[in-house]
Amino acid sequence: MHVWEENVAALRRSVHAGTSVSLLLCAGVAVYFLVTFDRPNRPLLLVVVGIAAAVAGVASVVPLEAMARRRLIAPFFLGWSIALVAIVAAAVAVENDPSSPFIAFFFLPMVFGAIAYPLRLVLALSAIDVAASVATLTFALEYEAADTLLFAIALLGAMLLCLYQARAHEEHLAEVARLSRTDHLTGTLNRRGFEDELDERLARFRRYGTPIGLVLLDLDGFKAVNDLQGHAAGDDLLRRVAASIDGAVRATDCAARVGGDEFAVLLEQSDGITAPMVAVRIVDAVSLHSAATAGAASCPDDADDAEELYRIADARLYESKRAGSLRA
């Protein structure tokens, strides 16, 4: 799922902004109709405005949480914007006036998309918007080819600006998401990132049956390092331990710092036999810098939910500590 689709609160704000502006424009257009009611096709245009208001009303009550769970966020927003483009095209065609002010409304869906949508949706919406505007000007208003071309060039310029903005916004969101999941000291995942990754891998297990191993690692004597050598030495130790863990596992495995001196490693395609073996390998690698104790559990051999899997690995870690063993 795209990071944009995960932030339901931000999506709700986008819907609120889009529907509020839509209803405000509908009210403004209604006033425009009253002032120009002697012009042709005003009743039919009022119907078009009513449809626009109805679309905004429906969009405002869409259950975004349920749609996010079903991965329907992108289709909903793209469908909503396409409906707005169609409404603008209908208003221009019904008014049937080459100087219609509704022609300028073709720019609005792209502007909203640049502010609220990821790059791929802005690209799709912009292409549809440009095609719809060119078709409307050519066939409904019978614009001269040169006039249509100039308008299309202006719309394409706006499209490029919108794509630039959407890309910058997407990169910013991705960086914020990465920072929120990363431990700033070691560069591994933090607890939040670990929990998200564990949930994703458990979902993959339920769908494809891919086994998962979990190793919890606790450094022995880390407090003494901080007390005797200072926090800078402790920080350096944590960085070296994280690097050792990364070197002891595969690229498909995932390391995280989940506490002060506690690390967790998620193992891809690892069962109740291989997970303890990898735990021993990790302890061996870390022992170059610090004594450590590990505990391992696996899904589905030990548990198939996050809380129980973590509890079992943690219990085995402390069993090893009580036994005086430095290995899993």
C-alpha atoms as a PDB file:
ATOM      1  CA  MET A   1       0.000   0.000   0.000  1.00  0.00           C
ATOM      2  CA  HIS A   2       1.274   3.454  -0.896  1.00  0.00           C
ATOM      3  CA  VAL A   3       2.153   5.638   2.105  1.00  0.00           C
ATOM      4  CA  TRP A   4      -0.418   8.181   0.837  1.00  0.00           C
ATOM      5  CA  GLU A   5      -3.183   5.582   1.234  1.00  0.00           C
ATOM      6  CA  GLU A   6      -2.191   4.743   4.823  1.00  0.00           C
ATOM      7  CA  ASN A   7      -2.709   8.246   6.255  1.00  0.00           C
ATOM      8  CA  VAL A   8      -6.481   8.267   6.643  1.00  0.00           C
ATOM      9  CA  ALA A   9      -6.459  11.533   8.599  1.00  0.00           C
ATOM     10  CA  ALA A  10      -4.684  13.330   5.735  1.00  0.00           C
ATOM     11  CA  LEU A  11      -7.048  11.719   3.217  1.00  0.00           C
ATOM     12  CA  ARG A  12     -10.004  12.976   5.217  1.00  0.00           C
ATOM     13  CA  ARG A  13      -8.573  16.500   5.165  1.00  0.00           C
ATOM     14  CA  SER A  14      -8.152  16.252   1.389  1.00  0.00           C
ATOM     15  CA  VAL A  15     -11.761  15.148   0.991  1.00  0.00           C
ATOM     16  CA  HIS A  16     -12.927  17.987   3.228  1.00  0.00           C
ATOM     17  CA  ALA A  17     -10.930  20.534   1.216  1.00  0.00           C
ATOM     18  CA  GLY A  18     -12.120  19.159  -2.114  1.00  0.00           C
ATOM     19  CA  THR A  19     -15.784  18.958  -1.178  1.00  0.00           C
ATOM     20  CA  SER A  20     -15.765  22.370   0.518  1.00  0.00           C
ATOM     21  CA  VAL A  21     -14.270  24.064  -2.542  1.00  0.00           C
ATOM     22  CA  SER A  22     -16.666  22.163  -4.825  1.00  0.00           C
ATOM     23  CA  LEU A  23     -19.710  23.311  -2.861  1.00  0.00           C
ATOM     24  CA  LEU A  24     -18.374  26.880  -2.703  1.00  0.00           C
ATOM     25  CA  LEU A  25     -17.927  26.865  -6.484  1.00  0.00           C
ATOM     26  CA  CYS A  26     -21.429  25.460  -6.934  1.00  0.00           C
ATOM     27  CA  ALA A  27     -22.820  28.322  -4.853  1.00  0.00           C
ATOM     28  CA  GLY A  28     -20.828  30.855  -6.869  1.00  0.00           C
ATOM     29  CA  VAL A  29     -22.003  29.337 -10.155  1.00  0.00           C
ATOM     30  CA  ALA A  30     -25.604  29.459  -8.929  1.00  0.00           C
ATOM     31  CA  VAL A  31     -25.217  33.207  -8.338  1.00  0.00           C
ATOM     32  CA  TYR A  32     -23.685  33.534 -11.817  1.00  0.00           C
ATOM     33  CA  PHE A  33     -26.738  31.794 -13.279  1.00  0.00           C
ATOM     34  CA  LEU A  34     -29.102  34.162 -11.505  1.00  0.00           C
ATOM     35  CA  VAL A  35     -27.232  37.147 -12.927  1.00  0.00           C
ATOM     36  CA  THR A  36     -27.178  35.667 -16.451  1.00  0.00           C
ATOM     37  CA  PHE A  37     -30.474  33.796 -16.442  1.00  0.00           C
ATOM     38  CA  ASP A  38     -31.525  35.363 -19.750  1.00  0.00           C
ATOM     39  CA  ARG A  39     -28.831  33.358 -21.557  1.00  0.00           C
ATOM     40  CA  PRO A  40     -29.640  29.984 -23.162  1.00  0.00           C
ATOM     41  CA  ASN A  41     -29.726  26.587 -21.400  1.00  0.00           C
ATOM     42  CA  ARG A  42     -29.714  27.940 -17.846  1.00  0.00           C
ATOM     43  CA  PRO A  43     -32.125  25.309 -16.430  1.00  0.00           C
ATOM     44  CA  LEU A  44     -30.002  22.504 -17.871  1.00  0.00           C
ATOM     45  CA  LEU A  45     -26.856  24.099 -16.480  1.00  0.00           C
ATOM     46  CA  LEU A  46     -28.475  24.231 -13.058  1.00  0.00           C
ATOM     47  CA  VAL A  47     -28.980  20.476 -13.327  1.00  0.00           C
ATOM     48  CA  VAL A  48     -25.254  20.077 -14.026  1.00  0.00           C
ATOM     49  CA  VAL A  49     -24.441  22.182 -10.960  1.00  0.00           C
ATOM     50  CA  GLY A  50     -26.838  20.079  -8.902  1.00  0.00           C
ATOM     51  CA  ILE A  51     -24.997  16.949 -10.015  1.00  0.00           C
ATOM     52  CA  ALA A  52     -21.691  18.538  -8.995  1.00  0.00           C
ATOM     53  CA  ALA A  53     -23.086  19.338  -5.546  1.00  0.00           C
ATOM     54  CA  ALA A  54     -24.430  15.786  -5.210  1.00  0.00           C
ATOM     55  CA  VAL A  55     -21.037  14.324  -6.124  1.00  0.00           C
ATOM     56  CA  ALA A  56     -19.394  16.510  -3.466  1.00  0.00           C
ATOM     57  CA  GLY A  57     -21.974  15.388  -0.924  1.00  0.00           C
ATOM     58  CA  VAL A  58     -21.372  11.709  -1.659  1.00  0.00           C
ATOM     59  CA  ALA A  59     -17.589  12.172  -1.488  1.00  0.00           C
ATOM     60  CA  SER A  60     -17.885  13.819   1.923  1.00  0.00           C
ATOM     61  CA  VAL A  61     -19.499  10.732   3.513  1.00  0.00           C
ATOM     62  CA  VAL A  62     -17.358   7.996   1.964  1.00  0.00           C
ATOM     63  CA  PRO A  63     -16.000   5.606   4.688  1.00  0.00           C
ATOM     64  CA  LEU A  64     -12.287   6.129   4.104  1.00  0.00           C
ATOM     65  CA  GLU A  65     -11.123   3.628   6.750  1.00  0.00           C
ATOM     66  CA  ALA A  66     -13.069   0.790   5.132  1.00  0.00           C
ATOM     67  CA  MET A  67     -11.877   1.804   1.676  1.00  0.00           C
ATOM     68  CA  ALA A  68      -8.262   1.897   2.861  1.00  0.00           C
ATOM     69  CA  ARG A  69      -8.578  -1.660   4.198  1.00  0.00           C
ATOM     70  CA  ARG A  70      -9.916  -2.791   0.818  1.00  0.00           C
ATOM     71  CA  ARG A  71      -7.280  -0.825  -1.120  1.00  0.00           C
ATOM     72  CA  LEU A  72      -9.935   1.304  -2.819  1.00  0.00           C
ATOM     73  CA  ILE A  73      -8.548   4.734  -1.929  1.00  0.00           C
ATOM     74  CA  ALA A  74      -6.809   5.361  -5.265  1.00  0.00           C
ATOM     75  CA  PRO A  75      -9.813   4.239  -7.390  1.00  0.00           C
ATOM     76  CA  PHE A  76     -12.122   6.415  -5.288  1.00  0.00           C
ATOM     77  CA  PHE A  77     -10.079   9.609  -5.620  1.00  0.00           C
ATOM     78  CA  LEU A  78      -9.379   9.061  -9.318  1.00  0.00           C
ATOM     79  CA  GLY A  79     -13.048   8.324  -9.983  1.00  0.00           C
ATOM     80  CA  TRP A  80     -14.098  11.416  -8.063  1.00  0.00           C
ATOM     81  CA  SER A  81     -11.736  13.634 -10.060  1.00  0.00           C
ATOM     82  CA  ILE A  82     -12.793  12.102 -13.383  1.00  0.00           C
ATOM     83  CA  ALA A  83     -16.399  12.836 -12.435  1.00  0.00           C
ATOM     84  CA  LEU A  84     -15.454  16.476 -11.834  1.00  0.00           C
ATOM     85  CA  VAL A  85     -13.724  16.671 -15.231  1.00  0.00           C
ATOM     86  CA  ALA A  86     -16.852  15.228 -16.846  1.00  0.00           C
ATOM     87  CA  ILE A  87     -19.040  17.785 -15.047  1.00  0.00           C
ATOM     88  CA  VAL A  88     -16.856  20.658 -16.278  1.00  0.00           C
ATOM     89  CA  ALA A  89     -16.983  19.283 -19.831  1.00  0.00           C
ATOM     90  CA  ALA A  90     -20.773  18.972 -19.582  1.00  0.00           C
ATOM     91  CA  ALA A  91     -21.128  22.557 -18.326  1.00  0.00           C
ATOM     92  CA  VAL A  92     -18.987  23.885 -21.189  1.00  0.00           C
ATOM     93  CA  ALA A  93     -20.899  21.841 -23.762  1.00  0.00           C
ATOM     94  CA  VAL A  94     -24.335  22.805 -22.419  1.00  0.00           C
ATOM     95  CA  GLU A  95     -23.525  26.513 -22.299  1.00  0.00           C
ATOM     96  CA  ASN A  96     -22.174  26.174 -25.854  1.00  0.00           C
ATOM     97  CA  ASP A  97     -20.379  29.508 -25.768  1.00  0.00           C
ATOM     98  CA  PRO A  98     -16.767  29.798 -27.028  1.00  0.00           C
ATOM     99  CA  SER A  99     -16.136  32.460 -24.374  1.00  0.00           C
ATOM    100  CA  SER A 100     -17.670  30.416 -21.539  1.00  0.00           C
ATOM    101  CA  PRO A 101     -15.927  31.010 -18.193  1.00  0.00           C
ATOM    102  CA  PHE A 102     -16.442  27.321 -17.399  1.00  0.00           C
ATOM    103  CA  ILE A 103     -13.519  26.496 -19.695  1.00  0.00           C
ATOM    104  CA  ALA A 104     -11.151  27.763 -16.988  1.00  0.00           C
ATOM    105  CA  PHE A 105     -12.552  25.136 -14.607  1.00  0.00           C
ATOM    106  CA  PHE A 106     -10.594  22.435 -16.469  1.00  0.00           C
ATOM    107  CA  PHE A 107      -7.528  23.570 -14.512  1.00  0.00           C
ATOM    108  CA  LEU A 108      -9.060  22.896 -11.085  1.00  0.00           C
ATOM    109  CA  PRO A 109      -9.007  19.054 -10.961  1.00  0.00           C
ATOM    110  CA  MET A 110      -5.295  19.044 -11.807  1.00  0.00           C
ATOM    111  CA  VAL A 111      -4.522  21.639  -9.145  1.00  0.00           C
ATOM    112  CA  PHE A 112      -6.371  19.606  -6.518  1.00  0.00           C
ATOM    113  CA  GLY A 113      -4.581  16.456  -7.668  1.00  0.00           C
ATOM    114  CA  ALA A 114      -1.168  18.115  -7.350  1.00  0.00           C
ATOM    115  CA  ILE A 115      -1.958  19.085  -3.766  1.00  0.00           C
ATOM    116  CA  ALA A 116      -3.595  15.848  -2.622  1.00  0.00           C
ATOM    117  CA  TYR A 117      -2.609  12.911  -4.877  1.00  0.00           C
ATOM    118  CA  PRO A 118       0.504  10.791  -5.470  1.00  0.00           C
ATOM    119  CA  LEU A 119       2.376  11.178  -8.738  1.00  0.00           C
ATOM    120  CA  ARG A 120       0.798   8.258 -10.601  1.00  0.00           C
ATOM    121  CA  LEU A 121      -2.742   9.535  -9.963  1.00  0.00           C
ATOM    122  CA  VAL A 122      -1.830  13.091 -10.955  1.00  0.00           C
ATOM    123  CA  LEU A 123      -0.391  11.777 -14.218  1.00  0.00           C
ATOM    124  CA  ALA A 124      -3.520   9.745 -15.006  1.00  0.00           C
ATOM    125  CA  LEU A 125      -5.869  12.567 -14.027  1.00  0.00           C
ATOM    126  CA  SER A 126      -3.916  15.179 -15.990  1.00  0.00           C
ATOM    127  CA  ALA A 127      -3.954  13.068 -19.147  1.00  0.00           C
ATOM    128  CA  ILE A 128      -7.720  12.581 -18.843  1.00  0.00           C
ATOM    129  CA  ASP A 129      -8.253  16.284 -18.130  1.00  0.00           C
ATOM    130  CA  VAL A 130      -6.250  17.402 -21.174  1.00  0.00           C
ATOM    131  CA  ALA A 131      -7.998  14.880 -23.438  1.00  0.00           C
ATOM    132  CA  ALA A 132     -11.455  15.890 -22.163  1.00  0.00           C
ATOM    133  CA  SER A 133     -10.788  19.609 -22.598  1.00  0.00           C
ATOM    134  CA  VAL A 134      -9.441  19.199 -26.138  1.00  0.00           C
ATOM    135  CA  ALA A 135     -12.409  17.020 -27.109  1.00  0.00           C
ATOM    136  CA  THR A 136     -14.892  19.494 -25.611  1.00  0.00           C
ATOM    137  CA  LEU A 137     -13.376  22.526 -27.317  1.00  0.00           C
ATOM    138  CA  THR A 138     -13.074  20.718 -30.639  1.00  0.00           C
ATOM    139  CA  PHE A 139     -16.426  18.962 -30.893  1.00  0.00           C
ATOM    140  CA  ALA A 140     -18.782  20.902 -28.597  1.00  0.00           C
ATOM    141  CA  LEU A 141     -17.568  24.456 -29.195  1.00  0.00           C
ATOM    142  CA  GLU A 142     -15.971  23.859 -32.608  1.00  0.00           C
ATOM    143  CA  TYR A 143     -12.861  25.831 -31.713  1.00  0.00           C
ATOM    144  CA  GLU A 144     -10.346  26.536 -34.430  1.00  0.00           C
ATOM    145  CA  ALA A 145      -7.448  24.078 -34.329  1.00  0.00           C
ATOM    146  CA  ALA A 146      -4.964  26.819 -33.419  1.00  0.00           C
ATOM    147  CA  ASP A 147      -7.117  28.012 -30.498  1.00  0.00           C
ATOM    148  CA  THR A 148      -7.553  24.466 -29.208  1.00  0.00           C
ATOM    149  CA  LEU A 149      -3.825  23.864 -29.507  1.00  0.00           C
ATOM    150  CA  LEU A 150      -2.985  26.990 -27.520  1.00  0.00           C
ATOM    151  CA  PHE A 151      -5.381  26.009 -24.733  1.00  0.00           C
ATOM    152  CA  ALA A 152      -3.948  22.486 -24.709  1.00  0.00           C
ATOM    153  CA  ILE A 153      -0.427  23.924 -24.423  1.00  0.00           C
ATOM    154  CA  ALA A 154      -1.504  26.031 -21.437  1.00  0.00           C
ATOM    155  CA  LEU A 155      -3.128  22.995 -19.821  1.00  0.00           C
ATOM    156  CA  LEU A 156      -0.036  20.886 -20.495  1.00  0.00           C
ATOM    157  CA  GLY A 157       2.095  23.565 -18.838  1.00  0.00           C
ATOM    158  CA  ALA A 158      -0.138  23.384 -15.783  1.00  0.00           C
ATOM    159  CA  MET A 159       0.103  19.600 -15.959  1.00  0.00           C
ATOM    160  CA  LEU A 160       3.915  19.710 -15.833  1.00  0.00           C
ATOM    161  CA  LEU A 161       3.848  22.042 -12.833  1.00  0.00           C
ATOM    162  CA  CYS A 162       1.343  19.783 -11.088  1.00  0.00           C
ATOM    163  CA  LEU A 163       3.473  16.703 -11.778  1.00  0.00           C
ATOM    164  CA  TYR A 164       6.538  18.475 -10.382  1.00  0.00           C
ATOM    165  CA  GLN A 165       4.622  19.409  -7.235  1.00  0.00           C
ATOM    166  CA  ALA A 166       3.196  15.905  -6.857  1.00  0.00           C
ATOM    167  CA  ARG A 167       6.641  14.345  -7.179  1.00  0.00           C
ATOM    168  CA  ALA A 168       8.140  16.704  -4.588  1.00  0.00           C
ATOM    169  CA  HIS A 169       5.231  16.016  -2.239  1.00  0.00           C
ATOM    170  CA  GLU A 170       5.563  12.254  -2.719  1.00  0.00           C
ATOM    171  CA  GLU A 171       9.302  12.324  -2.014  1.00  0.00           C
ATOM    172  CA  HIS A 172       8.674  14.373   1.129  1.00  0.00           C
ATOM    173  CA  LEU A 173       6.045  11.901   2.364  1.00  0.00           C
ATOM    174  CA  ALA A 174       8.339   8.952   1.677  1.00  0.00           C
ATOM    175  CA  GLU A 175      11.189  10.598   3.591  1.00  0.00           C
ATOM    176  CA  VAL A 176       8.938  11.430   6.545  1.00  0.00           C
ATOM    177  CA  ALA A 177       7.671   7.841   6.583  1.00  0.00           C
ATOM    178  CA  ARG A 178      11.234   6.491   6.449  1.00  0.00           C
ATOM    179  CA  LEU A 179      12.399   8.720   9.298  1.00  0.00           C
ATOM    180  CA  SER A 180       9.405   7.777  11.439  1.00  0.00           C
ATOM    181  CA  ARG A 181      10.369   4.080  11.111  1.00  0.00           C
ATOM    182  CA  THR A 182      14.145   4.409  11.492  1.00  0.00           C
ATOM    183  CA  ASP A 183      16.301   4.426  14.618  1.00  0.00           C
ATOM    184  CA  HIS A 184      18.430   7.554  14.224  1.00  0.00           C
ATOM    185  CA  LEU A 185      21.407   6.089  16.088  1.00  0.00           C
ATOM    186  CA  THR A 186      21.894   2.715  14.378  1.00  0.00           C
ATOM    187  CA  GLY A 187      20.082   3.191  11.074  1.00  0.00           C
ATOM    188  CA  THR A 188      18.005   0.054  11.693  1.00  0.00           C
ATOM    189  CA  LEU A 189      14.249   0.080  12.068  1.00  0.00           C
ATOM    190  CA  ASN A 190      12.870   1.478  15.321  1.00  0.00           C
ATOM    191  CA  ARG A 191      10.095  -0.214  17.314  1.00  0.00           C
ATOM    192  CA  ARG A 192       7.354   1.320  15.186  1.00  0.00           C
ATOM    193  CA  GLY A 193       9.073   0.229  11.981  1.00  0.00           C
ATOM    194  CA  PHE A 194       9.632  -3.244  13.423  1.00  0.00           C
ATOM    195  CA  GLU A 195       5.982  -3.633  14.398  1.00  0.00           C
ATOM    196  CA  ASP A 196       4.836  -2.484  10.955  1.00  0.00           C
ATOM    197  CA  GLU A 197       7.261  -4.894   9.268  1.00  0.00           C
ATOM    198  CA  LEU A 198       6.157  -7.773  11.498  1.00  0.00           C
ATOM    199  CA  ASP A 199       2.504  -7.090  10.693  1.00  0.00           C
ATOM    200  CA  GLU A 200       3.295  -7.027   6.965  1.00  0.00           C
ATOM    201  CA  ARG A 201       5.178 -10.322   7.129  1.00  0.00           C
ATOM    202  CA  LEU A 202       2.443 -11.979   9.156  1.00  0.00           C
ATOM    203  CA  ALA A 203      -0.088 -10.825   6.552  1.00  0.00           C
ATOM    204  CA  ARG A 204       2.160 -12.368   3.873  1.00  0.00           C
ATOM    205  CA  PHE A 205       2.270 -15.601   5.902  1.00  0.00           C
ATOM    206  CA  ARG A 206      -1.520 -15.742   6.103  1.00  0.00           C
ATOM    207  CA  ARG A 207      -1.788 -15.179   2.365  1.00  0.00           C
ATOM    208  CA  TYR A 208       1.102 -17.269   1.027  1.00  0.00           C
ATOM    209  CA  GLY A 209       2.179 -19.454   3.958  1.00  0.00           C
ATOM    210  CA  THR A 210       5.688 -17.947   4.102  1.00  0.00           C
ATOM    211  CA  PRO A 211       7.247 -18.878   7.498  1.00  0.00           C
ATOM    212  CA  ILE A 212       8.799 -16.173   9.668  1.00  0.00           C
ATOM    213  CA  GLY A 213      11.533 -16.317  12.276  1.00  0.00           C
ATOM    214  CA  LEU A 214      11.959 -13.795  15.091  1.00  0.00           C
ATOM    215  CA  VAL A 215      15.168 -13.326  17.075  1.00  0.00           C
ATOM    216  CA  LEU A 216      15.357 -11.027  20.090  1.00  0.00           C
ATOM    217  CA  LEU A 217      18.827  -9.994  21.239  1.00  0.00           C
ATOM    218  CA  ASP A 218      19.791  -8.309  24.511  1.00  0.00           C
ATOM    219  CA  LEU A 219      23.282  -6.941  25.215  1.00  0.00           C
ATOM    220  CA  ASP A 220      24.820  -8.084  28.489  1.00  0.00           C
ATOM    221  CA  GLY A 221      26.553  -5.401  30.510  1.00  0.00           C
ATOM    222  CA  PHE A 222      25.508  -2.471  28.348  1.00  0.00           C
ATOM    223  CA  LYS A 223      24.689  -0.334  31.397  1.00  0.00           C
ATOM    224  CA  ALA A 224      28.248  -0.793  32.646  1.00  0.00           C
ATOM    225  CA  VAL A 225      29.608   0.503  29.336  1.00  0.00           C
ATOM    226  CA  ASN A 226      27.509   3.660  29.683  1.00  0.00           C
ATOM    227  CA  ASP A 227      28.433   4.110  33.344  1.00  0.00           C
ATOM    228  CA  LEU A 228      32.182   3.482  33.003  1.00  0.00           C
ATOM    229  CA  GLN A 229      32.962   4.785  29.506  1.00  0.00           C
ATOM    230  CA  GLY A 230      30.204   7.310  28.897  1.00  0.00           C
ATOM    231  CA  HIS A 231      27.184   7.517  26.632  1.00  0.00           C
ATOM    232  CA  ALA A 232      29.283   8.217  23.540  1.00  0.00           C
ATOM    233  CA  ALA A 233      30.956   4.829  23.982  1.00  0.00           C
ATOM    234  CA  GLY A 234      27.551   3.230  24.505  1.00  0.00           C
ATOM    235  CA  ASP A 235      26.216   4.806  21.329  1.00  0.00           C
ATOM    236  CA  ASP A 236      29.256   3.618  19.391  1.00  0.00           C
ATOM    237  CA  LEU A 237      28.741   0.097  20.737  1.00  0.00           C
ATOM    238  CA  LEU A 238      25.116   0.085  19.609  1.00  0.00           C
ATOM    239  CA  ARG A 239      26.142   1.167  16.111  1.00  0.00           C
ATOM    240  CA  ARG A 240      28.778  -1.575  15.892  1.00  0.00           C
ATOM    241  CA  VAL A 241      26.324  -4.187  17.162  1.00  0.00           C
ATOM    242  CA  ALA A 242      23.735  -3.126  14.574  1.00  0.00           C
ATOM    243  CA  ALA A 243      26.351  -3.403  11.816  1.00  0.00           C
ATOM    244  CA  SER A 244      27.335  -6.877  13.054  1.00  0.00           C
ATOM    245  CA  ILE A 245      23.718  -8.023  13.009  1.00  0.00           C
ATOM    246  CA  ASP A 246      23.264  -6.740   9.469  1.00  0.00           C
ATOM    247  CA  GLY A 247      26.384  -8.629   8.420  1.00  0.00           C
ATOM    248  CA  ALA A 248      25.151 -11.869   9.977  1.00  0.00           C
ATOM    249  CA  VAL A 249      21.766 -12.020   8.238  1.00  0.00           C
ATOM    250  CA  ARG A 250      20.482 -11.971   4.663  1.00  0.00           C
ATOM    251  CA  ALA A 251      19.320  -8.915   2.742  1.00  0.00           C
ATOM    252  CA  THR A 252      15.737 -10.203   2.992  1.00  0.00           C
ATOM    253  CA  ASP A 253      15.957 -10.283   6.795  1.00  0.00           C
ATOM    254  CA  CYS A 254      15.204  -7.179   8.810  1.00  0.00           C
ATOM    255  CA  ALA A 255      16.953  -5.826  11.925  1.00  0.00           C
ATOM    256  CA  ALA A 256      15.514  -3.314  14.384  1.00  0.00           C
ATOM    257  CA  ARG A 257      16.491  -1.639  17.618  1.00  0.00           C
ATOM    258  CA  VAL A 258      13.381  -2.015  19.747  1.00  0.00           C
ATOM    259  CA  GLY A 259      14.733  -0.774  23.079  1.00  0.00           C
ATOM    260  CA  GLY A 260      17.801   0.748  24.704  1.00  0.00           C
ATOM    261  CA  ASP A 261      20.076  -2.276  24.199  1.00  0.00           C
ATOM    262  CA  GLU A 262      17.527  -4.674  22.730  1.00  0.00           C
ATOM    263  CA  PHE A 263      17.449  -5.669  19.077  1.00  0.00           C
ATOM    264  CA  ALA A 264      15.006  -7.733  17.045  1.00  0.00           C
ATOM    265  CA  VAL A 265      15.567  -9.514  13.744  1.00  0.00           C
ATOM    266  CA  LEU A 266      12.834 -10.765  11.419  1.00  0.00           C
ATOM    267  CA  LEU A 267      13.939 -13.755   9.358  1.00  0.00           C
ATOM    268  CA  GLU A 268      12.434 -14.524   5.970  1.00  0.00           C
ATOM    269  CA  GLN A 269      11.620 -18.198   5.252  1.00  0.00           C
ATOM    270  CA  SER A 270      12.761 -19.336   8.698  1.00  0.00           C
ATOM    271  CA  ASP A 271      11.144 -22.061  10.804  1.00  0.00           C
ATOM    272  CA  GLY A 272      11.584 -23.515  14.290  1.00  0.00           C
ATOM    273  CA  ILE A 273      14.856 -25.179  13.300  1.00  0.00           C
ATOM    274  CA  THR A 274      16.610 -22.427  11.359  1.00  0.00           C
ATOM    275  CA  ALA A 275      15.582 -19.477  13.577  1.00  0.00           C
ATOM    276  CA  PRO A 276      17.613 -20.685  16.634  1.00  0.00           C
ATOM    277  CA  MET A 277      20.572 -21.431  14.340  1.00  0.00           C
ATOM    278  CA  VAL A 278      20.494 -17.888  12.984  1.00  0.00           C
ATOM    279  CA  ALA A 279      20.190 -16.587  16.553  1.00  0.00           C
ATOM    280  CA  VAL A 280      23.452 -18.359  17.441  1.00  0.00           C
ATOM    281  CA  ARG A 281      25.120 -16.869  14.355  1.00  0.00           C
ATOM    282  CA  ILE A 282      23.969 -13.379  15.346  1.00  0.00           C
ATOM    283  CA  VAL A 283      25.277 -13.796  18.908  1.00  0.00           C
ATOM    284  CA  ASP A 284      28.625 -14.976  17.517  1.00  0.00           C
ATOM    285  CA  ALA A 285      28.851 -11.893  15.282  1.00  0.00           C
ATOM    286  CA  VAL A 286      27.884  -9.518  18.085  1.00  0.00           C
ATOM    287  CA  SER A 287      30.325 -11.154  20.539  1.00  0.00           C
ATOM    288  CA  LEU A 288      33.183  -9.324  18.810  1.00  0.00           C
ATOM    289  CA  HIS A 289      31.858  -6.200  20.527  1.00  0.00           C
ATOM    290  CA  SER A 290      29.691  -7.329  23.442  1.00  0.00           C
ATOM    291  CA  ALA A 291      28.354 -10.378  25.209  1.00  0.00           C
ATOM    292  CA  ALA A 292      24.716 -10.940  24.296  1.00  0.00           C
ATOM    293  CA  THR A 293      21.783 -13.246  24.883  1.00  0.00           C
ATOM    294  CA  ALA A 294      19.200 -14.196  22.291  1.00  0.00           C
ATOM    295  CA  GLY A 295      15.851 -15.912  22.101  1.00  0.00           C
ATOM    296  CA  ALA A 296      14.118 -17.175  18.972  1.00  0.00           C
ATOM    297  CA  ALA A 297      10.589 -18.050  17.904  1.00  0.00           C
ATOM    298  CA  SER A 298       8.992 -18.821  14.581  1.00  0.00           C
ATOM    299  CA  CYS A 299       5.675 -18.588  12.790  1.00  0.00           C
ATOM    300  CA  PRO A 300       3.769 -20.869  12.466  1.00  0.00           C
ATOM    301  CA  ASP A 301       5.746 -23.364  14.605  1.00  0.00           C
ATOM    302  CA  ASP A 302       5.391 -21.319  17.812  1.00  0.00           C
ATOM    303  CA  ALA A 303       2.666 -18.754  17.116  1.00  0.00           C
ATOM    304  CA  ASP A 304       0.909 -17.010  14.248  1.00  0.00           C
ATOM    305  CA  ASP A 305       0.209 -13.591  15.770  1.00  0.00           C
ATOM    306  CA  ALA A 306       2.603 -10.769  16.573  1.00  0.00           C
ATOM    307  CA  GLU A 307       2.020 -10.500  20.317  1.00  0.00           C
ATOM    308  CA  GLU A 308       2.406 -14.211  21.037  1.00  0.00           C
ATOM    309  CA  LEU A 309       5.420 -14.588  18.747  1.00  0.00           C
ATOM    310  CA  TYR A 310       7.192 -11.726  20.528  1.00  0.00           C
ATOM    311  CA  ARG A 311       6.228 -13.091  23.952  1.00  0.00           C
ATOM    312  CA  ILE A 312       7.688 -16.525  23.213  1.00  0.00           C
ATOM    313  CA  ALA A 313      10.956 -15.140  21.825  1.00  0.00           C
ATOM    314  CA  ASP A 314      11.264 -12.825  24.837  1.00  0.00           C
ATOM    315  CA  ALA A 315      10.600 -15.676  27.282  1.00  0.00           C
ATOM    316  CA  ARG A 316      13.290 -17.803  25.628  1.00  0.00           C
ATOM    317  CA  LEU A 317      15.737 -14.909  25.805  1.00  0.00           C
ATOM    318  CA  TYR A 318      15.269 -14.609  29.565  1.00  0.00           C
ATOM    319  CA  GLU A 319      15.455 -18.388  29.996  1.00  0.00           C
ATOM    320  CA  SER A 320      18.905 -18.189  28.389  1.00  0.00           C
ATOM    321  CA  LYS A 321      19.868 -15.308  30.699  1.00  0.00           C
ATOM    322  CA  ARG A 322      18.820 -17.260  33.796  1.00  0.00           C
ATOM    323  CA  ALA A 323      20.746 -20.297  32.577  1.00  0.00           C
ATOM    324  CA  GLY A 324      23.862 -18.152  32.186  1.00  0.00           C
ATOM    325  CA  SER A 325      24.178 -18.926  28.494  1.00  0.00           C
ATOM    326  CA  LEU A 326      25.225 -16.249  26.066  1.00  0.00           C
ATOM    327  CA  ARG A 327      23.702 -18.135  23.153  1.00  0.00           C
ATOM    328  CA  ALA A 328      20.159 -18.804  22.090  1.00  0.00           C
END
